[in-house]
Amino acid sequence: MTETILLYPEGASDARGTAPHDQPWIDVYPPFGEEFLGEGILIFPGGGYAGLSVQEGEGFAGWFRLLGYHAFVLNYRLGSQGYRHPAMWNDATRALRILRSRKDEWGLGHFGVIGSSAGGHLAATLLTQWDRGGTKSNETLEQHSSRPDYGILCYPVISMKEMAHSGSRANLLGENPSLDLVNSLSAEKRVTPETPPCFIWHTVDDPVVPVENSLDFASALRAQGVSFELHCYEHGAHGLGMKDGHPWTIPLLPWLRTQKRNLAG
């Protein structure tokens, strides 16, 4: 890591205090490899909106930077610290706008996002609820798009409905959210033809986040004509990340090459 970027240097308008957990930030990891030089990846660690997994943050960054990516880990605000939606989504959209505002400084052309578990929900929310930037905004940063170029979802929480992970839902929405709020944060309900391409993987016997989350999101992508690749593995614990030599990165690599070609073309 070479740099830490505060999302709100003057403090967020909805901050609950001035402690470190009230000041979300991005950790910047420069590339080691060369294959994906000029590409950026924004990483959302999982943790049920209660914590942030190091292995799904810094651990993922290490793998991507070996490929040549500029890797960025977002330390977003959490329900365990008293925050609820839209604080986390605000952090995600602002983080991507910050990266786009500095892309020339880093020599970057495109930005993908990757999220795991609840971080996968945050990534899926960004993938389905982005904007192209407000040219009329008084803040220059808000003029940059918050649309990722593609998304990678690892055993993601997708729905806030029947298949929701109860802990993630409570930390994000509170104990008794309205039906409208539940629907608005169920990413399978928000897919459009403009949703970016996605790579999704899950284990069928995941004991924490049901595989139906990924299946339903893939079905929604298919219904809207959005390009995606889905890998369901028969067995595996929740939260695998880069642990135990799981093979999910093997099909991911050619998929990433395809995205790079498509974006360059």
Protein backbone atom coordinates (compact mmCIF):
# COMPACT_ATOMS: atom_id res chain seq x y z
CA MET A 1 0.00 0.00 0.00
CA THR A 2 1.38 3.40 -0.97
CA GLU A 3 -1.47 5.81 -0.25
CA THR A 4 -4.64 6.24 1.77
CA ILE A 5 -7.43 8.40 0.34
CA LEU A 6 -10.15 9.79 2.60
CA LEU A 7 -13.51 9.81 0.84
CA TYR A 8 -14.65 12.91 2.69
CA PRO A 9 -11.61 14.99 3.76
CA GLU A 10 -13.87 17.54 5.42
CA GLY A 11 -16.08 14.86 6.97
CA ALA A 12 -19.19 13.22 5.52
CA SER A 13 -22.41 15.20 5.88
CA ASP A 14 -24.08 12.16 7.49
CA ALA A 15 -21.14 11.18 9.74
CA ARG A 16 -22.09 10.08 13.25
CA GLY A 17 -18.82 11.30 14.73
CA THR A 18 -15.14 11.85 14.02
CA ALA A 19 -13.71 8.45 14.96
CA PRO A 20 -11.75 6.49 12.31
CA HIS A 21 -14.80 4.36 11.50
CA ASP A 22 -16.73 7.54 10.66
CA GLN A 23 -14.16 8.47 8.00
CA PRO A 24 -14.23 5.88 5.19
CA TRP A 25 -11.13 5.57 3.06
CA ILE A 26 -9.46 3.83 0.11
CA ASP A 27 -6.19 1.92 0.41
CA VAL A 28 -4.18 2.15 -2.82
CA TYR A 29 -2.04 -0.78 -4.01
CA PRO A 30 0.13 -0.18 -7.10
CA PRO A 31 0.73 -2.96 -9.63
CA PHE A 32 3.56 -5.47 -9.63
CA GLY A 33 2.71 -7.33 -12.84
CA GLU A 34 2.22 -6.09 -16.38
CA GLU A 35 -0.64 -7.94 -18.13
CA PHE A 36 -3.36 -5.57 -16.90
CA LEU A 37 -1.38 -2.36 -16.64
CA GLY A 38 -3.69 0.62 -17.14
CA GLU A 39 -6.61 -1.16 -15.43
CA GLY A 40 -8.09 -0.46 -11.99
CA ILE A 41 -10.09 -2.70 -9.64
CA LEU A 42 -12.13 -1.38 -6.71
CA ILE A 43 -12.48 -4.00 -3.95
CA PHE A 44 -15.39 -4.26 -1.47
CA PRO A 45 -14.49 -6.66 1.37
CA GLY A 46 -17.23 -8.76 2.93
CA GLY A 47 -18.19 -9.00 6.57
CA GLY A 48 -21.98 -8.86 6.83
CA TYR A 49 -21.97 -5.04 6.94
CA ALA A 50 -20.60 -5.59 10.46
CA GLY A 51 -16.87 -5.82 9.69
CA LEU A 52 -14.40 -5.86 6.81
CA SER A 53 -12.53 -9.05 5.89
CA VAL A 54 -8.81 -8.49 5.42
CA GLN A 55 -8.41 -11.51 3.17
CA GLU A 56 -11.23 -10.25 0.92
CA GLY A 57 -9.65 -6.81 0.86
CA GLU A 58 -5.87 -6.70 1.07
CA GLY A 59 -5.74 -10.39 0.11
CA PHE A 60 -7.60 -9.77 -3.14
CA ALA A 61 -5.50 -6.66 -3.79
CA GLY A 62 -2.35 -8.77 -3.66
CA TRP A 63 -3.61 -11.11 -6.37
CA PHE A 64 -4.80 -8.34 -8.66
CA ARG A 65 -1.64 -6.27 -8.38
CA LEU A 66 0.41 -9.32 -9.39
CA LEU A 67 -1.58 -9.24 -12.65
CA GLY A 68 -0.76 -5.57 -13.20
CA TYR A 69 -3.89 -3.96 -11.80
CA HIS A 70 -3.97 -0.85 -9.70
CA ALA A 71 -5.97 -2.25 -6.76
CA PHE A 72 -8.09 -0.10 -4.46
CA VAL A 73 -9.67 -1.43 -1.24
CA LEU A 74 -12.68 0.52 0.03
CA ASN A 75 -13.08 0.66 3.80
CA TYR A 76 -16.76 1.61 3.83
CA ARG A 77 -18.97 2.47 6.78
CA LEU A 78 -20.75 -0.34 8.63
CA GLY A 79 -24.01 -1.16 10.32
CA SER A 80 -22.13 -2.28 13.43
CA GLN A 81 -20.98 1.34 13.75
CA GLY A 82 -24.53 2.68 13.57
CA TYR A 83 -24.73 3.33 9.83
CA ARG A 84 -27.55 2.25 7.54
CA HIS A 85 -28.27 2.55 3.84
CA PRO A 86 -27.50 4.80 1.99
CA ALA A 87 -24.21 5.48 3.80
CA MET A 88 -22.49 2.41 2.33
CA TRP A 89 -23.80 3.06 -1.18
CA ASN A 90 -22.73 6.71 -0.89
CA ASP A 91 -19.23 5.51 0.02
CA ALA A 92 -19.11 3.14 -2.96
CA THR A 93 -20.29 5.70 -5.50
CA ARG A 94 -17.97 8.37 -4.16
CA ALA A 95 -15.01 5.99 -4.19
CA LEU A 96 -15.48 5.21 -7.88
CA ARG A 97 -15.91 8.89 -8.72
CA ILE A 98 -12.65 9.65 -6.88
CA LEU A 99 -10.83 6.95 -8.86
CA ARG A 100 -12.19 8.23 -12.16
CA SER A 101 -11.21 11.80 -11.23
CA ARG A 102 -7.60 10.65 -10.78
CA LYS A 103 -7.37 8.12 -13.62
CA ASP A 104 -4.88 10.20 -15.63
CA GLU A 105 -2.59 10.48 -12.61
CA TRP A 106 -2.43 6.67 -12.39
CA GLY A 107 -2.63 6.05 -16.13
CA LEU A 108 -5.84 4.03 -15.87
CA GLY A 109 -8.48 3.50 -18.50
CA HIS A 110 -11.13 1.28 -16.90
CA PHE A 111 -12.40 0.31 -13.46
CA GLY A 112 -13.98 -2.96 -12.45
CA VAL A 113 -15.41 -3.77 -9.03
CA ILE A 114 -15.21 -6.96 -6.97
CA GLY A 115 -17.16 -7.73 -3.83
CA SER A 116 -17.54 -10.73 -1.54
CA SER A 117 -20.59 -11.70 0.52
CA ALA A 118 -22.00 -8.40 1.87
CA GLY A 119 -19.29 -6.66 -0.15
CA GLY A 120 -20.80 -8.48 -3.12
CA HIS A 121 -24.14 -6.91 -2.24
CA LEU A 122 -22.54 -3.48 -2.18
CA ALA A 123 -20.89 -4.18 -5.54
CA ALA A 124 -24.18 -5.46 -7.00
CA THR A 125 -25.98 -2.37 -5.71
CA LEU A 126 -23.42 -0.16 -7.44
CA LEU A 127 -23.67 -2.24 -10.62
CA THR A 128 -27.43 -1.73 -10.73
CA GLN A 129 -27.76 1.76 -9.21
CA TRP A 130 -25.16 4.04 -10.79
CA ASP A 131 -25.31 7.30 -12.69
CA ARG A 132 -23.25 8.91 -15.42
CA GLY A 133 -22.36 11.95 -13.33
CA GLY A 134 -24.10 15.24 -12.91
CA THR A 135 -22.75 17.82 -15.33
CA LYS A 136 -24.78 20.46 -13.47
CA SER A 137 -23.34 19.56 -10.06
CA ASN A 138 -21.44 22.25 -8.23
CA GLU A 139 -18.97 19.65 -7.01
CA THR A 140 -16.50 18.62 -9.73
CA LEU A 141 -16.21 15.12 -8.29
CA GLU A 142 -19.93 14.47 -8.78
CA GLN A 143 -19.52 15.06 -12.51
CA HIS A 144 -17.70 11.73 -12.86
CA SER A 145 -19.61 8.54 -13.60
CA SER A 146 -20.19 5.99 -10.85
CA ARG A 147 -20.77 3.15 -13.37
CA PRO A 148 -18.25 0.29 -13.08
CA ASP A 149 -17.00 -1.18 -16.34
CA TYR A 150 -17.67 -4.72 -15.05
CA GLY A 151 -18.32 -6.55 -11.81
CA ILE A 152 -17.03 -9.67 -10.06
CA LEU A 153 -19.32 -11.10 -7.36
CA CYS A 154 -17.99 -13.72 -4.95
CA TYR A 155 -20.69 -15.68 -3.07
CA PRO A 156 -22.66 -12.42 -2.97
CA VAL A 157 -25.59 -11.37 -0.87
CA ILE A 158 -27.99 -10.16 -3.58
CA SER A 159 -31.52 -10.13 -2.21
CA MET A 160 -32.92 -8.48 0.89
CA LYS A 161 -36.04 -10.64 0.55
CA GLU A 162 -36.57 -14.36 1.28
CA MET A 163 -33.00 -15.41 0.49
CA ALA A 164 -31.39 -12.55 2.37
CA HIS A 165 -28.54 -13.07 4.81
CA SER A 166 -30.30 -11.89 7.94
CA GLY A 167 -27.24 -10.28 9.52
CA SER A 168 -26.38 -8.28 6.40
CA ARG A 169 -29.98 -7.19 6.03
CA ALA A 170 -30.26 -6.02 9.65
CA ASN A 171 -26.95 -4.15 9.51
CA LEU A 172 -27.84 -2.48 6.23
CA LEU A 173 -31.54 -1.76 6.64
CA GLY A 174 -32.31 -2.00 10.34
CA GLU A 175 -34.73 -4.36 12.04
CA ASN A 176 -38.04 -3.47 10.35
CA PRO A 177 -37.37 -2.04 6.87
CA SER A 178 -40.26 -1.11 4.61
CA LEU A 179 -41.12 -3.31 1.66
CA ASP A 180 -40.10 -0.51 -0.71
CA LEU A 181 -36.66 -0.32 0.91
CA VAL A 182 -36.25 -4.10 0.80
CA ASN A 183 -37.13 -4.15 -2.91
CA SER A 184 -34.89 -1.21 -3.72
CA LEU A 185 -31.87 -2.97 -2.16
CA SER A 186 -32.58 -6.36 -3.75
CA ALA A 187 -30.19 -6.18 -6.70
CA GLU A 188 -32.00 -8.86 -8.72
CA LYS A 189 -34.90 -6.39 -8.96
CA ARG A 190 -32.74 -3.55 -10.27
CA VAL A 191 -30.99 -5.07 -13.30
CA THR A 192 -31.40 -3.20 -16.60
CA PRO A 193 -29.89 -3.67 -20.07
CA GLU A 194 -27.23 -1.12 -19.03
CA THR A 195 -25.99 -3.15 -16.07
CA PRO A 196 -22.29 -3.90 -16.68
CA PRO A 197 -21.04 -7.44 -17.47
CA CYS A 198 -20.61 -9.69 -14.45
CA PHE A 199 -18.60 -12.71 -13.32
CA ILE A 200 -20.33 -14.55 -10.47
CA TRP A 201 -19.28 -17.55 -8.40
CA HIS A 202 -20.82 -19.36 -5.44
CA THR A 203 -20.76 -22.77 -3.75
CA VAL A 204 -23.99 -24.75 -3.87
CA ASP A 205 -23.80 -25.81 -0.23
CA ASP A 206 -22.85 -22.36 1.11
CA PRO A 207 -24.27 -22.50 4.65
CA VAL A 208 -24.42 -18.72 5.16
CA VAL A 209 -25.57 -17.07 1.92
CA PRO A 210 -27.82 -19.33 -0.18
CA VAL A 211 -26.65 -19.96 -3.73
CA GLU A 212 -30.06 -18.76 -4.92
CA ASN A 213 -28.73 -15.24 -4.49
CA SER A 214 -26.31 -15.78 -7.38
CA LEU A 215 -28.76 -17.86 -9.41
CA ASP A 216 -31.48 -15.21 -9.20
CA PHE A 217 -29.06 -12.42 -10.11
CA ALA A 218 -27.79 -14.39 -13.10
CA SER A 219 -31.39 -15.00 -14.21
CA ALA A 220 -32.08 -11.28 -13.99
CA LEU A 221 -28.98 -10.50 -16.05
CA ARG A 222 -30.05 -13.04 -18.68
CA ALA A 223 -33.56 -11.59 -18.84
CA GLN A 224 -32.10 -8.14 -19.57
CA GLY A 225 -29.54 -9.35 -22.10
CA VAL A 226 -26.53 -8.52 -19.91
CA SER A 227 -23.35 -10.51 -20.49
CA PHE A 228 -22.36 -12.69 -17.53
CA GLU A 229 -20.47 -15.81 -16.52
CA LEU A 230 -21.69 -17.93 -13.60
CA HIS A 231 -19.72 -20.65 -11.81
CA CYS A 232 -21.39 -22.81 -9.17
CA TYR A 233 -19.12 -25.18 -7.28
CA GLU A 234 -20.65 -28.19 -5.55
CA HIS A 235 -18.91 -27.78 -2.21
CA GLY A 236 -17.20 -25.05 -0.26
CA ALA A 237 -17.48 -22.98 2.89
CA HIS A 238 -18.71 -19.42 2.84
CA GLY A 239 -16.06 -16.71 2.73
CA LEU A 240 -13.45 -18.70 0.83
CA GLY A 241 -11.88 -15.69 -0.83
CA MET A 242 -8.31 -16.60 -1.76
CA LYS A 243 -8.10 -19.40 0.81
CA ASP A 244 -7.64 -23.16 0.36
CA GLY A 245 -6.48 -22.93 -3.24
CA HIS A 246 -10.04 -22.69 -4.55
CA PRO A 247 -9.98 -22.67 -8.38
CA TRP A 248 -12.36 -19.75 -9.03
CA THR A 249 -9.57 -17.50 -10.28
CA ILE A 250 -8.78 -19.95 -13.10
CA PRO A 251 -11.92 -19.11 -15.16
CA LEU A 252 -11.82 -15.50 -13.96
CA LEU A 253 -8.54 -14.73 -15.70
CA PRO A 254 -9.71 -15.36 -19.30
CA TRP A 255 -12.95 -13.54 -18.50
CA LEU A 256 -10.91 -10.52 -17.40
CA ARG A 257 -8.92 -10.65 -20.63
CA THR A 258 -12.18 -10.64 -22.56
CA GLN A 259 -13.41 -7.57 -20.67
CA LYS A 260 -10.15 -5.77 -21.39
CA ARG A 261 -10.43 -6.56 -25.11
CA ASN A 262 -14.07 -5.50 -25.24
CA LEU A 263 -13.41 -2.23 -23.44
CA ALA A 264 -10.45 -1.45 -25.68
CA GLY A 265 -12.37 -2.29 -28.82
